[in-house]
């Protein structure tokens, strides 16, 4: 039986983003695009600014600002660039609006973790 709840909803949101994503070679990915490993700053509609790094679930640590891609906020941020905004539904069910302020390039690419994408063609 499939699980329900915030993680399942975030996974569905992420799947929606992945379905409409355009896959590019690493050297063609535009700078300033939120992707796995990106460190970014975003502003909430309340004016709060947060700096986070988008990570895989096993690397998440909110105390260190490492946000899992399988959280509602992580799934919402993927694919955005500086100046773009997106509404997202928090775990409390409220809709929030985030605006990306800055995006840093990932220190290591996800392909460096041993995925098929890192294999020579």
N, C-alpha and C. Protein backbone atom coordinates (compact mmCIF):
# COMPACT_ATOMS: atom_id res chain seq x y z
N UNK A 1 0.84 -1.18 0.00
CA UNK A 1 0.00 0.00 0.00
C UNK A 1 0.89 1.24 0.00
N UNK A 2 0.59 2.20 -0.82
CA UNK A 2 1.38 3.43 -0.90
C UNK A 2 1.11 4.29 0.31
N UNK A 3 2.14 4.98 0.77
CA UNK A 3 1.97 5.85 1.93
C UNK A 3 1.41 7.19 1.51
N UNK A 4 0.75 7.83 2.45
CA UNK A 4 0.20 9.16 2.20
C UNK A 4 0.85 10.11 3.17
N UNK A 5 0.68 11.37 2.95
CA UNK A 5 1.24 12.35 3.86
C UNK A 5 2.16 13.31 3.15
N UNK A 6 2.82 14.17 3.93
CA UNK A 6 3.66 15.22 3.33
C UNK A 6 4.77 14.70 2.42
N UNK A 7 5.46 13.60 2.82
CA UNK A 7 6.55 13.09 1.97
C UNK A 7 6.02 12.56 0.65
N UNK A 8 4.88 11.88 0.69
CA UNK A 8 4.29 11.35 -0.54
C UNK A 8 3.84 12.50 -1.44
N UNK A 9 3.26 13.54 -0.84
CA UNK A 9 2.83 14.69 -1.63
C UNK A 9 4.03 15.39 -2.25
N UNK A 10 5.13 15.54 -1.48
CA UNK A 10 6.34 16.17 -2.02
C UNK A 10 6.92 15.32 -3.14
N UNK A 11 6.89 14.00 -2.98
CA UNK A 11 7.39 13.11 -4.02
C UNK A 11 6.56 13.27 -5.30
N UNK A 12 5.25 13.41 -5.15
CA UNK A 12 4.39 13.62 -6.32
C UNK A 12 4.69 14.96 -7.00
N UNK A 13 4.92 16.01 -6.20
CA UNK A 13 5.28 17.31 -6.76
C UNK A 13 6.60 17.22 -7.51
N UNK A 14 7.56 16.52 -6.91
CA UNK A 14 8.86 16.36 -7.56
C UNK A 14 8.72 15.57 -8.85
N UNK A 15 7.91 14.53 -8.85
CA UNK A 15 7.69 13.75 -10.06
C UNK A 15 7.09 14.61 -11.17
N UNK A 16 6.16 15.47 -10.80
CA UNK A 16 5.57 16.39 -11.78
C UNK A 16 6.65 17.28 -12.40
N UNK A 17 7.55 17.79 -11.55
CA UNK A 17 8.65 18.63 -12.05
C UNK A 17 9.58 17.83 -12.95
N UNK A 18 9.89 16.60 -12.57
CA UNK A 18 10.80 15.77 -13.36
C UNK A 18 10.21 15.42 -14.73
N UNK A 19 8.90 15.19 -14.78
CA UNK A 19 8.25 14.85 -16.04
C UNK A 19 8.37 16.00 -17.04
N UNK A 20 8.27 17.23 -16.56
CA UNK A 20 8.34 18.37 -17.48
C UNK A 20 9.75 18.96 -17.60
N UNK A 21 10.72 18.36 -16.92
CA UNK A 21 12.09 18.86 -16.95
C UNK A 21 12.76 18.56 -18.28
N UNK A 22 13.71 19.42 -18.63
CA UNK A 22 14.54 19.20 -19.81
C UNK A 22 15.91 18.75 -19.30
N UNK A 23 16.33 17.56 -19.69
CA UNK A 23 17.62 17.02 -19.26
C UNK A 23 18.71 17.57 -20.17
N UNK A 24 19.73 18.17 -19.56
CA UNK A 24 20.84 18.78 -20.31
C UNK A 24 22.16 18.21 -19.85
N UNK A 25 23.15 18.17 -20.74
CA UNK A 25 24.50 17.83 -20.30
C UNK A 25 24.97 18.88 -19.29
N UNK A 26 25.84 18.48 -18.37
CA UNK A 26 26.31 19.37 -17.31
C UNK A 26 26.81 20.71 -17.84
N UNK A 27 27.54 20.69 -18.95
CA UNK A 27 28.12 21.94 -19.45
C UNK A 27 27.09 22.86 -20.11
N UNK A 28 25.84 22.40 -20.25
CA UNK A 28 24.79 23.23 -20.83
C UNK A 28 23.75 23.70 -19.82
N UNK A 29 23.92 23.31 -18.55
CA UNK A 29 22.97 23.73 -17.52
C UNK A 29 23.23 25.20 -17.23
N UNK A 30 22.21 26.04 -17.35
CA UNK A 30 22.40 27.48 -17.10
C UNK A 30 22.84 27.73 -15.65
N UNK A 31 23.74 28.68 -15.47
CA UNK A 31 24.13 29.02 -14.11
C UNK A 31 22.93 29.69 -13.44
N UNK A 32 22.86 29.56 -12.14
CA UNK A 32 21.78 30.19 -11.40
C UNK A 32 20.49 29.39 -11.37
N UNK A 33 20.55 28.12 -11.77
CA UNK A 33 19.38 27.25 -11.77
C UNK A 33 19.44 26.36 -10.53
N UNK A 34 18.35 26.29 -9.76
CA UNK A 34 18.33 25.44 -8.56
C UNK A 34 18.28 23.98 -8.98
N UNK A 35 19.26 23.23 -8.50
CA UNK A 35 19.34 21.79 -8.77
C UNK A 35 19.97 21.12 -7.56
N UNK A 36 20.09 19.83 -7.62
CA UNK A 36 20.65 19.10 -6.49
C UNK A 36 22.04 19.65 -6.16
N UNK A 37 22.26 19.92 -4.89
CA UNK A 37 23.55 20.43 -4.44
C UNK A 37 23.66 21.94 -4.46
N UNK A 38 22.68 22.64 -5.06
CA UNK A 38 22.73 24.10 -5.10
C UNK A 38 22.54 24.67 -3.69
N UNK A 39 23.30 25.71 -3.39
CA UNK A 39 23.07 26.51 -2.19
C UNK A 39 22.40 27.78 -2.66
N UNK A 40 21.27 28.09 -2.07
CA UNK A 40 20.48 29.22 -2.54
C UNK A 40 19.90 30.00 -1.39
N UNK A 41 19.51 31.21 -1.68
CA UNK A 41 18.77 32.05 -0.74
C UNK A 41 17.41 32.30 -1.35
N UNK A 42 16.38 32.25 -0.49
CA UNK A 42 15.04 32.58 -0.95
C UNK A 42 14.36 33.45 0.10
N UNK A 43 13.39 34.21 -0.38
CA UNK A 43 12.62 35.11 0.47
C UNK A 43 11.18 34.61 0.51
N UNK A 44 10.59 34.63 1.72
CA UNK A 44 9.18 34.26 1.86
C UNK A 44 8.32 35.50 1.66
N UNK A 45 7.02 35.29 1.55
CA UNK A 45 6.12 36.43 1.40
C UNK A 45 6.12 37.31 2.64
N UNK A 46 6.58 36.77 3.77
CA UNK A 46 6.67 37.55 5.01
C UNK A 46 7.98 38.34 5.08
N UNK A 47 8.85 38.17 4.07
CA UNK A 47 10.10 38.91 4.03
C UNK A 47 11.28 38.20 4.67
N UNK A 48 11.07 36.99 5.18
CA UNK A 48 12.18 36.22 5.75
C UNK A 48 13.08 35.72 4.63
N UNK A 49 14.39 35.79 4.85
CA UNK A 49 15.34 35.25 3.88
C UNK A 49 16.03 34.05 4.53
N UNK A 50 16.06 32.95 3.79
CA UNK A 50 16.72 31.73 4.27
C UNK A 50 17.73 31.28 3.24
N UNK A 51 18.81 30.70 3.74
CA UNK A 51 19.86 30.13 2.88
C UNK A 51 19.90 28.64 3.15
N UNK A 52 19.74 27.85 2.09
CA UNK A 52 19.69 26.39 2.21
C UNK A 52 20.48 25.74 1.09
N UNK A 53 20.80 24.47 1.29
CA UNK A 53 21.40 23.65 0.25
C UNK A 53 20.44 22.51 -0.03
N UNK A 54 20.14 22.26 -1.30
CA UNK A 54 19.21 21.21 -1.70
C UNK A 54 19.97 19.89 -1.77
N UNK A 55 19.51 18.90 -1.00
CA UNK A 55 20.22 17.63 -0.89
C UNK A 55 19.28 16.44 -1.03
N UNK A 56 19.87 15.25 -1.16
CA UNK A 56 19.10 14.01 -1.15
C UNK A 56 18.62 13.75 0.28
N UNK A 57 17.53 13.00 0.45
CA UNK A 57 16.95 12.81 1.79
C UNK A 57 17.94 12.33 2.84
N UNK A 58 18.82 11.43 2.50
CA UNK A 58 19.76 10.89 3.49
C UNK A 58 20.77 11.93 3.98
N UNK A 59 20.91 13.04 3.26
CA UNK A 59 21.87 14.08 3.63
C UNK A 59 21.21 15.28 4.30
N UNK A 60 19.89 15.24 4.45
CA UNK A 60 19.15 16.37 5.01
C UNK A 60 19.52 16.61 6.47
N UNK A 61 19.67 17.88 6.82
CA UNK A 61 19.96 18.30 8.20
C UNK A 61 19.55 19.75 8.31
N UNK A 62 18.35 20.00 8.78
CA UNK A 62 17.82 21.35 8.82
C UNK A 62 18.68 22.27 9.67
N UNK A 63 19.34 21.74 10.70
CA UNK A 63 20.21 22.57 11.55
C UNK A 63 21.40 23.12 10.76
N UNK A 64 21.80 22.40 9.71
CA UNK A 64 22.90 22.84 8.85
C UNK A 64 22.40 23.50 7.57
N UNK A 65 21.08 23.68 7.46
CA UNK A 65 20.51 24.30 6.28
C UNK A 65 20.45 23.38 5.08
N UNK A 66 20.49 22.08 5.30
CA UNK A 66 20.43 21.10 4.21
C UNK A 66 19.00 20.58 4.11
N UNK A 67 18.32 20.95 3.02
CA UNK A 67 16.91 20.64 2.82
C UNK A 67 16.77 19.52 1.80
N UNK A 68 16.00 18.50 2.15
CA UNK A 68 15.77 17.37 1.25
C UNK A 68 14.89 17.79 0.08
N UNK A 69 15.22 17.24 -1.08
CA UNK A 69 14.42 17.46 -2.28
C UNK A 69 13.04 16.82 -2.12
N UNK A 70 12.88 15.91 -1.15
CA UNK A 70 11.59 15.26 -0.92
C UNK A 70 10.77 15.94 0.17
N UNK A 71 11.08 17.19 0.47
CA UNK A 71 10.21 17.99 1.33
C UNK A 71 9.41 18.91 0.42
N UNK A 72 8.28 19.41 0.89
CA UNK A 72 7.51 20.30 0.03
C UNK A 72 8.32 21.50 -0.47
N UNK A 73 9.12 22.09 0.39
CA UNK A 73 9.91 23.25 -0.02
C UNK A 73 11.02 22.85 -0.99
N UNK A 74 11.66 21.71 -0.75
CA UNK A 74 12.72 21.24 -1.65
C UNK A 74 12.20 20.96 -3.04
N UNK A 75 11.07 20.25 -3.11
CA UNK A 75 10.46 19.95 -4.42
C UNK A 75 10.03 21.22 -5.14
N UNK A 76 9.55 22.20 -4.39
CA UNK A 76 9.10 23.46 -5.00
C UNK A 76 10.26 24.25 -5.60
N UNK A 77 11.43 24.18 -4.97
CA UNK A 77 12.57 25.00 -5.41
C UNK A 77 13.29 24.47 -6.64
N UNK A 78 13.22 23.16 -6.89
CA UNK A 78 13.95 22.57 -8.03
C UNK A 78 13.55 23.24 -9.33
N UNK A 79 14.55 23.65 -10.10
CA UNK A 79 14.31 24.21 -11.43
C UNK A 79 14.07 25.70 -11.47
N UNK A 80 13.97 26.34 -10.30
CA UNK A 80 13.79 27.79 -10.30
C UNK A 80 15.12 28.49 -10.51
N UNK A 81 15.06 29.75 -10.91
CA UNK A 81 16.27 30.56 -11.03
C UNK A 81 16.03 31.89 -10.32
N UNK A 82 17.08 32.68 -10.21
CA UNK A 82 17.01 33.95 -9.49
C UNK A 82 15.86 34.80 -10.00
N UNK A 83 15.07 35.31 -9.07
CA UNK A 83 13.94 36.17 -9.40
C UNK A 83 12.63 35.44 -9.57
N UNK A 84 12.68 34.13 -9.75
CA UNK A 84 11.44 33.38 -9.93
C UNK A 84 10.78 33.10 -8.58
N UNK A 85 9.47 33.05 -8.60
CA UNK A 85 8.67 32.75 -7.41
C UNK A 85 7.82 31.53 -7.66
N UNK A 86 7.44 30.88 -6.56
CA UNK A 86 6.56 29.72 -6.67
C UNK A 86 5.74 29.59 -5.39
N UNK A 87 4.47 29.22 -5.55
CA UNK A 87 3.69 28.90 -4.35
C UNK A 87 3.99 27.46 -3.94
N UNK A 88 3.99 27.18 -2.67
CA UNK A 88 4.16 25.80 -2.20
C UNK A 88 3.31 25.62 -0.96
N UNK A 89 2.87 24.41 -0.75
CA UNK A 89 2.04 24.09 0.40
C UNK A 89 2.91 23.49 1.48
N UNK A 90 2.94 24.15 2.62
CA UNK A 90 3.73 23.68 3.75
C UNK A 90 3.08 22.48 4.40
N UNK A 91 3.82 21.87 5.34
CA UNK A 91 3.31 20.70 6.05
C UNK A 91 2.07 21.03 6.86
N UNK A 92 1.89 22.32 7.14
CA UNK A 92 0.71 22.75 7.90
C UNK A 92 -0.51 22.96 7.00
N UNK A 93 -0.34 22.73 5.68
CA UNK A 93 -1.44 22.87 4.75
C UNK A 93 -1.62 24.28 4.20
N UNK A 94 -0.86 25.24 4.72
CA UNK A 94 -0.97 26.62 4.23
C UNK A 94 -0.13 26.80 2.97
N UNK A 95 -0.62 27.68 2.09
CA UNK A 95 0.12 27.99 0.87
C UNK A 95 1.04 29.18 1.14
N UNK A 96 2.30 29.03 0.77
CA UNK A 96 3.31 30.07 0.95
C UNK A 96 3.86 30.44 -0.42
N UNK A 97 4.53 31.57 -0.51
CA UNK A 97 5.17 31.98 -1.76
C UNK A 97 6.64 32.24 -1.49
N UNK A 98 7.50 31.62 -2.30
CA UNK A 98 8.94 31.78 -2.18
C UNK A 98 9.48 32.47 -3.43
N UNK A 99 10.46 33.33 -3.23
CA UNK A 99 11.15 33.97 -4.35
C UNK A 99 12.64 33.71 -4.20
N UNK A 100 13.26 33.16 -5.24
CA UNK A 100 14.69 32.85 -5.20
C UNK A 100 15.48 34.14 -5.32
N UNK A 101 16.39 34.35 -4.38
CA UNK A 101 17.22 35.56 -4.34
C UNK A 101 18.60 35.31 -4.96
N UNK A 102 19.19 34.14 -4.69
CA UNK A 102 20.51 33.82 -5.25
C UNK A 102 20.66 32.31 -5.33
N UNK A 103 21.50 31.86 -6.26
CA UNK A 103 21.75 30.43 -6.44
C UNK A 103 23.24 30.23 -6.69
N UNK A 104 23.86 29.39 -5.88
CA UNK A 104 25.26 29.03 -6.08
C UNK A 104 25.36 27.68 -6.77
N UNK A 105 26.40 27.49 -7.52
CA UNK A 105 26.61 26.23 -8.22
C UNK A 105 26.90 25.13 -7.20
N UNK A 106 26.45 23.90 -7.48
CA UNK A 106 26.73 22.78 -6.58
C UNK A 106 28.23 22.56 -6.43
N UNK A 107 28.65 22.19 -5.20
CA UNK A 107 30.06 21.89 -4.99
C UNK A 107 30.45 20.63 -5.74
N UNK A 108 29.57 19.63 -5.67
CA UNK A 108 29.78 18.40 -6.44
C UNK A 108 28.50 18.11 -7.18
N UNK A 109 28.64 17.61 -8.38
CA UNK A 109 27.47 17.29 -9.18
C UNK A 109 26.88 15.98 -8.69
N UNK A 110 25.54 15.80 -8.77
CA UNK A 110 24.92 14.54 -8.40
C UNK A 110 25.53 13.36 -9.15
N UNK A 111 25.96 13.58 -10.40
CA UNK A 111 26.55 12.49 -11.19
C UNK A 111 27.84 11.99 -10.54
N UNK A 112 28.50 12.82 -9.74
CA UNK A 112 29.73 12.42 -9.08
C UNK A 112 29.48 11.36 -8.01
N UNK A 113 28.23 11.12 -7.67
CA UNK A 113 27.90 10.16 -6.63
C UNK A 113 27.87 8.74 -7.19
N UNK A 114 28.23 8.56 -8.45
CA UNK A 114 28.30 7.21 -9.01
C UNK A 114 27.10 6.80 -9.84
N UNK A 115 26.28 7.76 -10.25
CA UNK A 115 25.11 7.42 -11.07
C UNK A 115 25.55 7.10 -12.48
N UNK A 116 24.62 6.57 -13.25
CA UNK A 116 24.91 6.21 -14.64
C UNK A 116 25.33 7.42 -15.44
N UNK A 117 24.88 8.61 -15.06
CA UNK A 117 25.20 9.83 -15.80
C UNK A 117 26.69 10.12 -15.78
N UNK A 118 27.41 9.57 -14.81
CA UNK A 118 28.83 9.85 -14.73
C UNK A 118 29.67 8.89 -15.56
N UNK A 119 29.01 7.91 -16.18
CA UNK A 119 29.72 6.93 -16.98
C UNK A 119 30.02 7.49 -18.37
N UNK A 120 31.19 7.18 -18.93
CA UNK A 120 31.51 7.65 -20.28
C UNK A 120 30.55 7.04 -21.28
N UNK A 121 30.26 7.80 -22.33
CA UNK A 121 29.35 7.30 -23.38
C UNK A 121 30.11 6.82 -24.56
